[in-house]
Amino acid sequence: MKAFLLSGMMLLTLVAGAGPAAAQDRRDLRLADDIVRSVNTYSQFTIFDDVNARIDQGVVTLTGKVTMPYKRNDIGKRIAGIDGVREVQNNIEVLPVSNFDDQLRYRVARAIYGNPSFWNYAAMANPPIHVIVENGRVRLTGVVNSNVERMLARSLATGLGELSVESELRTDAEARS
């Protein structure tokens, strides 16, 4: 089975083939670039949302978590409208509504992006560290430059009233491999 995986809107090739299958792989690779562009240019996509896509011969499976139901629907429609997408399986989950979770999201984001080590990320149009909060549990996703930044981000997200912190941050080197 030929498949590509987009995680944290980074492209990872899982399996590559030769011959006619290689042509399909190239189409899926171009499709992956279009999906990344589509999600990143969606004006409602924020650091509090995390969308992943798996592509297999034009069939796109979306997973992840978003803060509002309309984001789930809008992203699914945007992906379905991309030339080359045969089918979209939208498995994106909507995070529960919670004032506590909202406040915790902002505290964690301020702690991370307010730190001078992450100012270069904060200045980006689409900052790479995503803060997903569900029922008081924090999960950090995305890509950072180094293991030191990964550990610092996790440390900054700790002690802000959360029940737990889980880091799924990857370094650039890990994302490329």
Protein backbone atom coordinates (compact mmCIF):
# COMPACT_ATOMS: atom_id res chain seq x y z
CA MET A 1 0.00 0.00 0.00
CA LYS A 2 1.39 3.40 -0.97
CA ALA A 3 0.64 6.11 1.55
CA PHE A 4 1.74 9.55 2.63
CA LEU A 5 1.18 11.09 6.03
CA LEU A 6 0.88 14.75 6.92
CA SER A 7 1.31 15.38 10.60
CA GLY A 8 1.36 18.80 12.11
CA MET A 9 1.21 19.87 8.50
CA MET A 10 4.65 18.40 7.78
CA LEU A 11 4.97 15.87 4.96
CA LEU A 12 6.39 12.42 5.63
CA THR A 13 6.73 9.69 3.02
CA LEU A 14 5.86 6.31 4.47
CA VAL A 15 6.30 4.07 1.44
CA ALA A 16 7.61 4.79 -2.06
CA GLY A 17 7.45 2.55 -5.10
CA ALA A 18 8.58 2.29 -8.69
CA GLY A 19 6.94 2.19 -12.11
CA PRO A 20 3.26 3.17 -12.37
CA ALA A 21 3.00 3.20 -8.59
CA ALA A 22 5.74 5.84 -8.48
CA ALA A 23 3.60 8.11 -10.66
CA GLN A 24 0.73 7.76 -8.18
CA ASP A 25 3.18 8.49 -5.35
CA ARG A 26 4.23 11.71 -7.11
CA ARG A 27 0.56 12.70 -7.53
CA ASP A 28 -0.05 12.00 -3.83
CA LEU A 29 3.06 14.03 -2.95
CA ARG A 30 1.79 17.01 -4.96
CA LEU A 31 -1.62 16.52 -3.39
CA ALA A 32 0.00 16.58 0.06
CA ASP A 33 1.62 19.94 -0.73
CA ASP A 34 -1.78 21.29 -1.82
CA ILE A 35 -3.40 20.02 1.39
CA VAL A 36 -0.73 21.64 3.57
CA ARG A 37 -1.17 24.92 1.70
CA SER A 38 -4.96 24.74 1.97
CA VAL A 39 -4.97 24.13 5.72
CA ASN A 40 -2.27 26.71 6.44
CA THR A 41 -4.09 29.39 4.44
CA TYR A 42 -7.41 28.71 6.18
CA SER A 43 -7.85 31.91 8.19
CA GLN A 44 -9.53 30.14 11.14
CA PHE A 45 -6.73 27.56 11.62
CA THR A 46 -4.85 28.52 14.79
CA ILE A 47 -2.18 27.19 17.14
CA PHE A 48 -5.03 25.65 19.15
CA ASP A 49 -5.95 23.30 16.28
CA ASP A 50 -4.05 20.26 14.98
CA VAL A 51 -4.92 18.62 11.66
CA ASN A 52 -3.23 15.58 10.17
CA ALA A 53 -3.87 14.02 6.77
CA ARG A 54 -3.12 10.57 5.39
CA ILE A 55 -3.16 10.21 1.61
CA ASP A 56 -3.50 6.94 -0.26
CA GLN A 57 -4.12 7.12 -4.02
CA GLY A 58 -6.14 10.31 -3.79
CA VAL A 59 -8.15 9.24 -0.73
CA VAL A 60 -7.49 11.70 2.10
CA THR A 61 -8.15 10.75 5.71
CA LEU A 62 -8.20 13.74 8.05
CA THR A 63 -7.56 13.37 11.78
CA GLY A 64 -6.73 15.72 14.61
CA LYS A 65 -8.59 18.13 16.85
CA VAL A 66 -10.06 21.58 16.33
CA THR A 67 -11.70 24.03 18.71
CA MET A 68 -14.94 24.64 16.79
CA PRO A 69 -17.30 22.42 14.73
CA TYR A 70 -17.32 24.80 11.75
CA LYS A 71 -13.52 24.39 11.42
CA ARG A 72 -13.93 20.64 11.01
CA ASN A 73 -16.49 21.15 8.25
CA ASP A 74 -14.63 24.00 6.53
CA ILE A 75 -11.33 22.09 6.42
CA GLY A 76 -13.07 19.00 5.04
CA LYS A 77 -14.73 21.09 2.30
CA ARG A 78 -11.44 22.84 1.45
CA ILE A 79 -9.64 19.51 1.08
CA ALA A 80 -12.48 17.98 -0.96
CA GLY A 81 -12.20 20.90 -3.40
CA ILE A 82 -8.55 20.22 -4.20
CA ASP A 83 -7.94 18.83 -7.67
CA GLY A 84 -6.88 15.18 -7.39
CA VAL A 85 -8.75 14.38 -4.17
CA ARG A 86 -11.01 11.41 -4.90
CA GLU A 87 -12.53 11.12 -1.42
CA VAL A 88 -12.24 12.76 2.01
CA GLN A 89 -12.76 10.83 5.22
CA ASN A 90 -13.11 13.57 7.82
CA ASN A 91 -12.25 12.11 11.23
CA ILE A 92 -11.29 15.44 12.80
CA GLU A 93 -12.61 15.68 16.36
CA VAL A 94 -14.04 18.84 17.92
CA LEU A 95 -12.66 19.69 21.35
CA PRO A 96 -15.26 20.11 24.11
CA VAL A 97 -16.32 23.64 25.05
CA SER A 98 -14.74 24.65 28.34
CA ASN A 99 -13.82 28.03 29.82
CA PHE A 100 -11.09 26.33 31.85
CA ASP A 101 -9.57 24.77 28.72
CA ASP A 102 -9.75 28.10 26.86
CA GLN A 103 -7.94 29.91 29.67
CA LEU A 104 -5.35 27.15 29.90
CA ARG A 105 -4.75 27.31 26.13
CA TYR A 106 -3.96 31.01 26.35
CA ARG A 107 -1.74 30.59 29.45
CA VAL A 108 0.31 27.87 27.76
CA ALA A 109 0.56 29.77 24.46
CA ARG A 110 1.67 32.94 26.28
CA ALA A 111 4.22 31.01 28.30
CA ILE A 112 5.74 29.40 25.20
CA TYR A 113 5.50 32.17 22.61
CA GLY A 114 6.27 34.87 25.20
CA ASN A 115 9.63 33.24 25.93
CA PRO A 116 12.53 34.88 24.01
CA SER A 117 13.64 31.45 22.75
CA PHE A 118 10.39 31.17 20.78
CA TRP A 119 9.94 34.76 19.57
CA ASN A 120 11.10 33.75 16.07
CA TYR A 121 8.25 31.19 15.95
CA ALA A 122 5.71 33.67 17.36
CA ALA A 123 6.49 36.07 14.49
CA MET A 124 5.54 33.44 11.87
CA ALA A 125 2.21 33.54 10.06
CA ASN A 126 1.63 29.90 11.10
CA PRO A 127 3.59 29.24 14.30
CA PRO A 128 4.81 25.62 14.38
CA ILE A 129 3.97 24.73 18.00
CA HIS A 130 0.32 23.81 18.49
CA VAL A 131 -1.31 23.76 21.93
CA ILE A 132 -4.15 21.25 22.18
CA VAL A 133 -6.05 21.30 25.48
CA GLU A 134 -8.75 18.78 26.26
CA ASN A 135 -10.31 18.46 29.71
CA GLY A 136 -7.33 20.16 31.37
CA ARG A 137 -4.76 17.97 29.60
CA VAL A 138 -2.21 19.73 27.40
CA ARG A 139 -0.69 18.17 24.27
CA LEU A 140 2.00 20.03 22.32
CA THR A 141 2.34 19.14 18.64
CA GLY A 142 4.41 20.46 15.76
CA VAL A 143 8.04 20.90 14.85
CA VAL A 144 10.89 22.74 16.59
CA ASN A 145 14.53 23.24 15.63
CA SER A 146 16.16 21.24 18.40
CA ASN A 147 15.69 18.86 21.29
CA VAL A 148 16.49 21.75 23.67
CA GLU A 149 13.53 23.72 22.27
CA ARG A 150 11.30 20.66 22.60
CA MET A 151 12.24 20.26 26.28
CA LEU A 152 11.93 24.01 26.94
CA ALA A 153 8.43 24.17 25.40
CA ARG A 154 7.29 21.25 27.54
CA SER A 155 8.79 22.86 30.63
CA LEU A 156 7.09 26.20 29.91
CA ALA A 157 3.72 24.42 29.50
CA THR A 158 4.03 22.86 32.96
CA GLY A 159 2.75 24.38 36.21
CA LEU A 160 -0.03 26.48 34.69
CA GLY A 161 -2.97 24.60 36.19
CA GLU A 162 -2.99 21.68 33.75
CA LEU A 163 -3.65 18.09 34.77
CA SER A 164 -0.89 16.76 32.50
CA VAL A 165 1.42 17.80 29.68
CA GLU A 166 2.27 15.52 26.78
CA SER A 167 4.78 16.60 24.18
CA GLU A 168 4.51 15.26 20.64
CA LEU A 169 6.89 17.92 19.35
CA ARG A 170 9.42 16.71 16.82
CA THR A 171 12.69 18.22 15.73
CA ASP A 172 13.31 19.23 12.12
CA ALA A 173 15.61 16.22 11.74
CA GLU A 174 12.92 13.83 13.02
CA ALA A 175 10.30 15.35 10.72
CA ARG A 176 12.54 14.90 7.67
CA SER A 177 13.39 11.25 8.41
